[in-house]
Every structure is written in C-alpha cells, then in structure tokens.
C-alpha cells in the first residue's frame, strides 16, 4: 500500500503520522513500531519517535510507503 499524507502545518511528528495514516492503531503502537526499527524515513532507519516529518519526505513502515505532501 502506498499513500499520500497532506500536511496541515510545517511538519508532523513521526508517531502521529503513523496513527493518522492508519499504519498504527494508536500513538503508543506507532512509538513501539519506531522503537522496534520497523520505520524508515527517506530510506534511513529512524528511531526518534517525534522526528519532524516534512513535505517531500517518504516514510516506510511494514512494507508500505507514505509520501508526505505540502498542504493546500
């Protein structure tokens, strides 16, 4: 599954992005996925739960990609 996420501000915290896109059922599950090394940002492992994800970045988790786009 590939998805796009439109920002409403300058950035979104990584754990919130996983929750908002349905990759994680809760913020806690998202944080656990990050801690377990299941998440990459632009192809690099990301261990910071609240990493600032900005427009143009791609997050990969559990075989799915989320492309982050600038808001309207």
Protein backbone atom coordinates (compact mmCIF):
# COMPACT_ATOMS: atom_id res chain seq x y z
CA UNK A 1 0.00 0.00 0.00
CA UNK A 2 1.27 3.42 -0.91
CA UNK A 3 -0.40 6.52 0.47
CA UNK A 4 -0.07 10.28 0.50
CA UNK A 5 -0.43 12.48 3.56
CA UNK A 6 -1.09 16.21 3.27
CA UNK A 7 0.46 18.36 5.97
CA UNK A 8 -1.68 20.89 7.80
CA UNK A 9 1.34 22.73 9.16
CA UNK A 10 5.10 22.78 8.70
CA UNK A 11 5.65 19.21 9.92
CA UNK A 12 4.06 16.21 11.66
CA UNK A 13 5.62 14.06 14.37
CA UNK A 14 6.51 10.60 13.08
CA UNK A 15 4.44 8.72 15.69
CA UNK A 16 1.44 10.95 14.88
CA UNK A 17 1.87 10.34 11.14
CA UNK A 18 1.70 6.56 11.67
CA UNK A 19 -1.51 6.98 13.67
CA UNK A 20 -3.13 9.48 11.27
CA UNK A 21 -2.49 7.28 8.24
CA UNK A 22 -3.77 4.11 9.92
CA UNK A 23 -0.39 2.36 9.96
CA UNK A 24 -0.69 2.25 13.74
CA UNK A 25 -3.94 1.96 15.69
CA UNK A 26 -2.65 4.33 18.36
CA UNK A 27 0.22 6.68 19.11
CA UNK A 28 1.59 4.08 21.53
CA UNK A 29 1.63 1.40 18.84
CA UNK A 30 3.36 3.85 16.48
CA UNK A 31 6.05 4.55 19.07
CA UNK A 32 6.57 0.81 19.56
CA UNK A 33 6.94 0.28 15.79
CA UNK A 34 9.57 3.04 15.68
CA UNK A 35 11.42 1.60 18.70
CA UNK A 36 11.41 -1.86 17.05
CA UNK A 37 13.13 -0.46 13.96
CA UNK A 38 10.12 -1.01 11.66
CA UNK A 39 10.18 2.56 10.29
CA UNK A 40 12.46 4.33 7.82
CA UNK A 41 12.42 7.93 6.63
CA UNK A 42 13.84 8.57 3.16
CA UNK A 43 15.41 5.10 3.25
CA UNK A 44 17.20 5.59 6.58
CA UNK A 45 16.21 3.92 9.88
CA UNK A 46 14.53 6.41 12.22
CA UNK A 47 14.46 5.83 15.96
CA UNK A 48 13.21 9.25 17.11
CA UNK A 49 9.53 8.85 17.93
CA UNK A 50 8.76 12.53 17.45
CA UNK A 51 11.02 13.15 14.44
CA UNK A 52 9.68 16.09 12.42
CA UNK A 53 8.44 14.78 9.09
CA UNK A 54 8.20 17.49 6.44
CA UNK A 55 6.84 17.80 2.92
CA UNK A 56 8.79 15.78 0.36
CA UNK A 57 9.80 13.02 2.75
CA UNK A 58 8.81 9.37 2.41
CA UNK A 59 8.13 7.16 5.41
CA UNK A 60 8.21 3.36 5.01
CA UNK A 61 6.62 1.08 7.57
CA UNK A 62 5.64 -2.59 7.35
CA UNK A 63 6.08 -2.68 3.57
CA UNK A 64 4.03 0.45 2.88
CA UNK A 65 5.14 3.92 1.83
CA UNK A 66 3.69 7.23 2.96
CA UNK A 67 4.64 10.22 0.81
CA UNK A 68 4.28 13.47 2.74
CA UNK A 69 2.99 16.40 0.66
CA UNK A 70 2.66 20.09 1.45
CA UNK A 71 -0.82 21.18 2.50
CA UNK A 72 -3.01 23.32 0.28
